[in-house]
């Protein structure tokens, strides 16, 4: 009785709104609630976006799911931009660039085992941190790159790698449960 298209549109809008709210909560948690043992919180939103990209690329519809992971990157980047004191758009640029490069690099690979998720998070965090540093270098003040790498990038890489495998396992399990 009636056209199903408006319901589909409403369902899609509700899904996108819930995704935005979820990523905003995740960004707020990253910026305010997560412990910062090395002076800054771990890049949880990046780890989630990279893992979503890997799960999307390894699915039966990689193109559609790559676009979905790019939406996750944009929403997560906007949430981080709102929650942190960085130039607006810098997190969007960094997360989207990391997601696109990882999607292109892992497109033809089978995502099994531990090596590819760890490697993808490693590449993703390096792209993310270097992009943020470059934006800061251009817009705010010049950086001492060797000191920045030692003080900010290396600790960020180690914290992201620690979070990567539990997050990947949880997201893959949730993805398999939702497909059933």
Protein backbone atom coordinates (compact mmCIF):
# COMPACT_ATOMS: atom_id res chain seq x y z
CA UNK A 1 0.00 0.00 0.00
CA UNK A 2 1.89 3.00 -1.14
CA UNK A 3 5.32 3.74 -2.37
CA UNK A 4 8.24 2.35 -0.39
CA UNK A 5 10.70 5.02 -1.56
CA UNK A 6 9.87 7.62 1.14
CA UNK A 7 10.40 4.99 3.81
CA UNK A 8 13.76 4.06 2.33
CA UNK A 9 14.76 7.71 2.26
CA UNK A 10 13.66 8.17 5.87
CA UNK A 11 15.54 5.05 6.92
CA UNK A 12 18.66 6.27 5.15
CA UNK A 13 18.40 9.71 6.76
CA UNK A 14 17.97 8.13 10.20
CA UNK A 15 20.99 5.89 9.56
CA UNK A 16 23.13 8.86 8.51
CA UNK A 17 21.96 10.90 11.50
CA UNK A 18 22.75 8.04 13.88
CA UNK A 19 26.15 7.62 12.23
CA UNK A 20 26.89 11.33 12.69
CA UNK A 21 25.80 11.22 16.33
CA UNK A 22 27.84 8.08 16.96
CA UNK A 23 30.98 9.54 15.44
CA UNK A 24 30.43 12.80 17.36
CA UNK A 25 30.21 10.80 20.60
CA UNK A 26 33.34 8.88 19.61
CA UNK A 27 35.18 12.14 18.85
CA UNK A 28 34.03 13.68 22.12
CA UNK A 29 35.19 10.58 23.94
CA UNK A 30 38.53 10.69 22.15
CA UNK A 31 39.14 14.34 22.93
CA UNK A 32 37.77 14.49 26.50
CA UNK A 33 37.42 11.07 28.09
CA UNK A 34 40.24 8.87 26.85
CA UNK A 35 43.37 8.92 28.95
CA UNK A 36 46.29 10.74 27.42
CA UNK A 37 49.33 8.90 28.76
CA UNK A 38 51.75 10.64 26.39
CA UNK A 39 50.15 14.07 26.51
CA UNK A 40 47.48 13.61 23.85
CA UNK A 41 44.70 11.05 23.35
CA UNK A 42 44.98 8.13 20.91
CA UNK A 43 43.47 8.60 17.45
CA UNK A 44 40.45 6.36 17.98
CA UNK A 45 38.38 7.95 15.21
CA UNK A 46 41.18 7.30 12.73
CA UNK A 47 41.47 3.66 13.81
CA UNK A 48 37.70 3.21 13.38
CA UNK A 49 37.73 4.86 9.94
CA UNK A 50 40.70 2.76 8.75
CA UNK A 51 39.10 -0.44 10.01
CA UNK A 52 35.79 0.49 8.37
CA UNK A 53 37.69 1.05 5.14
CA UNK A 54 39.33 -2.38 5.37
CA UNK A 55 36.04 -4.10 6.12
CA UNK A 56 34.35 -2.22 3.28
CA UNK A 57 37.05 -3.02 0.74
CA UNK A 58 36.93 -6.73 1.61
CA UNK A 59 33.14 -6.95 1.25
CA UNK A 60 31.07 -8.09 -1.71
CA UNK A 61 30.39 -4.47 -2.75
CA UNK A 62 33.75 -2.72 -2.34
CA UNK A 63 32.83 0.45 -4.27
CA UNK A 64 29.69 1.14 -2.25
CA UNK A 65 31.42 0.37 1.04
CA UNK A 66 34.44 2.51 0.14
CA UNK A 67 32.08 5.45 -0.32
CA UNK A 68 30.53 4.56 3.04
CA UNK A 69 33.94 4.60 4.71
CA UNK A 70 34.65 8.00 3.12
CA UNK A 71 31.42 9.28 4.67
CA UNK A 72 32.63 7.92 8.01
CA UNK A 73 35.89 9.83 7.48
CA UNK A 74 34.07 13.07 6.67
CA UNK A 75 31.67 12.80 9.61
CA UNK A 76 34.46 11.78 12.00
CA UNK A 77 36.68 14.59 10.73
CA UNK A 78 33.92 17.16 11.18
CA UNK A 79 33.30 15.86 14.70
CA UNK A 80 37.00 16.11 15.56
CA UNK A 81 37.21 19.59 14.02
CA UNK A 82 34.33 20.73 16.20
CA UNK A 83 35.78 19.12 19.35
CA UNK A 84 39.43 20.16 19.03
CA UNK A 85 41.37 23.38 18.65
CA UNK A 86 42.69 22.82 15.14
CA UNK A 87 41.91 24.66 11.89
CA UNK A 88 38.47 23.71 10.59
CA UNK A 89 38.69 21.05 7.91
CA UNK A 90 42.09 19.71 8.89
CA UNK A 91 40.76 16.48 10.41
CA UNK A 92 38.34 16.02 7.51
CA UNK A 93 41.23 16.35 5.07
CA UNK A 94 43.52 14.03 7.06
CA UNK A 95 40.92 11.28 7.64
CA UNK A 96 39.58 11.39 4.07
CA UNK A 97 43.07 11.26 2.59
CA UNK A 98 44.03 8.33 4.83
CA UNK A 99 40.82 6.43 3.97
CA UNK A 100 41.24 6.98 0.21
CA UNK A 101 44.87 5.88 0.15
CA UNK A 102 44.17 2.79 2.26
CA UNK A 103 41.17 1.86 0.12
CA UNK A 104 43.26 2.18 -3.04
CA UNK A 105 46.18 0.23 -1.58
CA UNK A 106 44.15 -2.67 -0.16
CA UNK A 107 41.56 -2.95 -2.90
CA UNK A 108 42.93 -6.17 -4.39
CA UNK A 109 44.11 -7.77 -1.13
CA UNK A 110 42.37 -10.35 0.99
CA UNK A 111 42.00 -8.90 4.45
CA UNK A 112 42.91 -11.88 6.62
CA UNK A 113 45.24 -12.22 9.54
CA UNK A 114 46.86 -9.45 11.50
CA UNK A 115 49.43 -7.99 9.14
CA UNK A 116 47.13 -6.00 6.83
CA UNK A 117 45.07 -4.29 9.59
CA UNK A 118 48.25 -3.35 11.46
CA UNK A 119 49.93 -2.11 8.27
CA UNK A 120 46.85 -0.16 7.25
CA UNK A 121 46.60 1.57 10.63
CA UNK A 122 50.34 2.31 10.50
CA UNK A 123 50.03 3.91 7.06
CA UNK A 124 46.81 5.65 8.06
CA UNK A 125 48.23 7.20 11.22
CA UNK A 126 51.32 8.39 9.36
CA UNK A 127 49.17 10.03 6.67
CA UNK A 128 46.86 11.49 9.30
CA UNK A 129 49.58 12.93 11.53
CA UNK A 130 51.66 14.26 8.63
CA UNK A 131 48.60 15.92 7.09
CA UNK A 132 47.65 17.55 10.39
CA UNK A 133 51.25 18.68 10.90
CA UNK A 134 51.41 20.10 7.38
CA UNK A 135 48.14 22.00 7.86
CA UNK A 136 49.44 23.35 11.18
CA UNK A 137 52.76 24.22 9.57
CA UNK A 138 51.06 26.15 6.77
CA UNK A 139 48.30 27.88 8.73
CA UNK A 140 49.66 28.49 12.23
CA UNK A 141 53.43 28.36 12.66
CA UNK A 142 56.42 26.53 11.18
CA UNK A 143 57.20 23.22 12.84
CA UNK A 144 60.49 21.63 13.80
CA UNK A 145 59.80 18.40 11.89
CA UNK A 146 62.36 16.10 13.59
CA UNK A 147 61.17 17.16 17.04
CA UNK A 148 57.52 16.85 15.99
CA UNK A 149 58.13 13.35 14.67
CA UNK A 150 59.78 12.31 17.91
CA UNK A 151 57.33 13.98 20.28
CA UNK A 152 54.00 13.58 18.47
CA UNK A 153 54.09 11.14 15.56
CA UNK A 154 55.93 8.19 17.15
CA UNK A 155 53.77 8.08 20.31
CA UNK A 156 50.63 8.50 18.21
CA UNK A 157 51.69 5.59 15.99
CA UNK A 158 52.29 3.33 18.98
CA UNK A 159 48.93 4.17 20.59
CA UNK A 160 47.06 3.64 17.31
CA UNK A 161 48.73 0.27 16.73
CA UNK A 162 47.72 -0.87 20.22
CA UNK A 163 44.09 0.02 19.50
CA UNK A 164 44.00 -1.36 15.96
CA UNK A 165 43.58 -5.11 16.45
CA UNK A 166 40.88 -5.08 19.15
CA UNK A 167 38.97 -2.45 17.18
CA UNK A 168 39.31 -4.37 13.91
CA UNK A 169 38.17 -7.62 15.54
CA UNK A 170 35.16 -5.94 17.13
CA UNK A 171 34.15 -4.15 13.93
CA UNK A 172 34.53 -7.28 11.80
CA UNK A 173 32.46 -9.27 14.30
CA UNK A 174 29.74 -6.58 14.27
CA UNK A 175 29.80 -6.51 10.47
CA UNK A 176 29.34 -10.27 10.28
CA UNK A 177 26.53 -10.16 12.86
CA UNK A 178 24.69 -7.44 10.95
CA UNK A 179 24.86 -9.40 7.69
CA UNK A 180 23.05 -12.37 9.24
